[in-house]
Structures are given as structure tokens and as C-alpha cells.
Amino acid sequence: MHRALVLACILTAAMAPPVMAQTFSREQDIGAMRLGQKVLVDDGSCPAGQIKEISGARLVAGGVQVVRQCIPQKIRR
């Protein structure tokens, strides 16, 4: 029963439509990140035509570890 519930949750999440990431002008405005959450930061720190994507990558003892990367601004994941 437990495995079926977990499988159903995974399948439901996989079929959900993609959500546009929220955009901020400063990293300080983000607040606490959740695991799997992605936000965009348009603070001018990335090259022209790119925007900074910050994502809650993995759970560590101190909370959620984030990953920062510059992505093409037209491709918003």
C-alpha cells in the first residue's frame, strides 16, 4: 500500500505541467529555498542574454543546498 502511494505521488508530479520560475531582482529577496524549487534572479551578474537560475538542489544537515548557474534568458525552466 505504501509503495503504491509513493508511486502514485511520483507519477502525479511527473505529469504536472511545468511552472514558470519566479523572478527576483536581488538574491536577498528570495528567502528560504525549498528542495526542487527554482527561481530566477535578474541582478546583472550573468553575461548579456542570460539570467541567474538558483535551485534547491539537495538536502543537507543545515537545510537546502542551492546551485547557482547562468542560463539563456529565453529558456526559462
Protein backbone atom coordinates (compact mmCIF):
# COMPACT_ATOMS: atom_id res chain seq x y z
CA MET A 1 0.00 0.00 0.00
CA HIS A 2 2.78 2.43 0.96
CA ARG A 3 4.72 1.74 -2.25
CA ALA A 4 1.62 2.27 -4.36
CA LEU A 5 1.02 5.64 -2.70
CA VAL A 6 4.62 6.73 -3.27
CA LEU A 7 4.46 5.61 -6.90
CA ALA A 8 1.19 7.47 -7.42
CA CYS A 9 2.73 10.67 -5.99
CA ILE A 10 5.78 10.38 -8.23
CA LEU A 11 3.65 9.81 -11.34
CA THR A 12 1.39 12.73 -10.48
CA ALA A 13 4.37 15.05 -10.03
CA ALA A 14 5.94 13.87 -13.28
CA MET A 15 2.76 14.61 -15.24
CA ALA A 16 2.21 18.07 -13.73
CA PRO A 17 2.67 20.97 -16.14
CA PRO A 18 5.92 22.94 -15.78
CA VAL A 19 5.72 26.03 -13.60
CA MET A 20 7.40 29.27 -14.58
CA ALA A 21 10.11 30.19 -12.13
CA GLN A 22 9.54 33.31 -10.07
CA THR A 23 11.89 36.20 -10.95
CA PHE A 24 13.62 38.44 -8.39
CA SER A 25 15.93 41.42 -8.84
CA ARG A 26 18.16 40.52 -5.84
CA GLU A 27 19.13 37.20 -4.22
CA GLN A 28 18.38 38.67 -0.79
CA ASP A 29 14.68 38.88 -1.71
CA ILE A 30 14.34 35.11 -2.23
CA GLY A 31 14.09 33.92 1.38
CA ALA A 32 14.24 30.22 2.27
CA MET A 33 14.53 27.83 -0.67
CA ARG A 34 12.69 24.51 -0.83
CA LEU A 35 14.11 21.33 -2.28
CA GLY A 36 13.49 21.35 -6.05
CA GLN A 37 12.41 24.99 -6.13
CA LYS A 38 13.83 27.16 -8.94
CA VAL A 39 13.91 30.94 -9.03
CA LEU A 40 15.44 33.42 -11.45
CA VAL A 41 17.49 36.42 -10.34
CA ASP A 42 17.94 39.28 -12.80
CA ASP A 43 20.70 41.14 -10.96
CA GLY A 44 23.05 41.71 -13.90
CA SER A 45 25.65 39.22 -12.66
CA CYS A 46 25.34 36.96 -15.74
CA PRO A 47 26.53 37.76 -19.28
CA ALA A 48 24.20 39.58 -21.70
CA GLY A 49 21.24 37.43 -22.74
CA GLN A 50 21.48 35.20 -19.66
CA ILE A 51 19.82 35.18 -16.26
CA LYS A 52 20.84 33.57 -12.97
CA GLU A 53 18.89 30.45 -12.01
CA ILE A 54 19.02 29.36 -8.37
CA SER A 55 17.67 25.93 -7.50
CA GLY A 56 17.26 23.98 -4.27
CA ALA A 57 19.49 21.08 -5.27
CA ARG A 58 19.85 18.77 -2.28
CA LEU A 59 19.01 18.41 1.36
CA VAL A 60 21.95 18.75 3.75
CA ALA A 61 22.19 18.91 7.53
CA GLY A 62 21.90 22.72 7.53
CA GLY A 63 18.90 22.86 5.18
CA VAL A 64 18.68 23.01 1.40
CA GLN A 65 21.88 23.44 -0.61
CA VAL A 66 21.40 25.76 -3.58
CA VAL A 67 23.04 25.75 -7.01
CA ARG A 68 23.56 28.96 -8.98
CA GLN A 69 24.04 28.99 -12.75
CA CYS A 70 23.57 31.36 -15.66
CA ILE A 71 21.07 30.14 -18.25
CA PRO A 72 19.85 31.65 -21.54
CA GLN A 73 17.19 34.20 -20.69
CA LYS A 74 14.76 32.92 -23.34
CA ILE A 75 14.86 29.37 -21.92
CA ARG A 76 13.10 29.57 -18.59
CA ARG A 77 12.96 26.17 -16.92
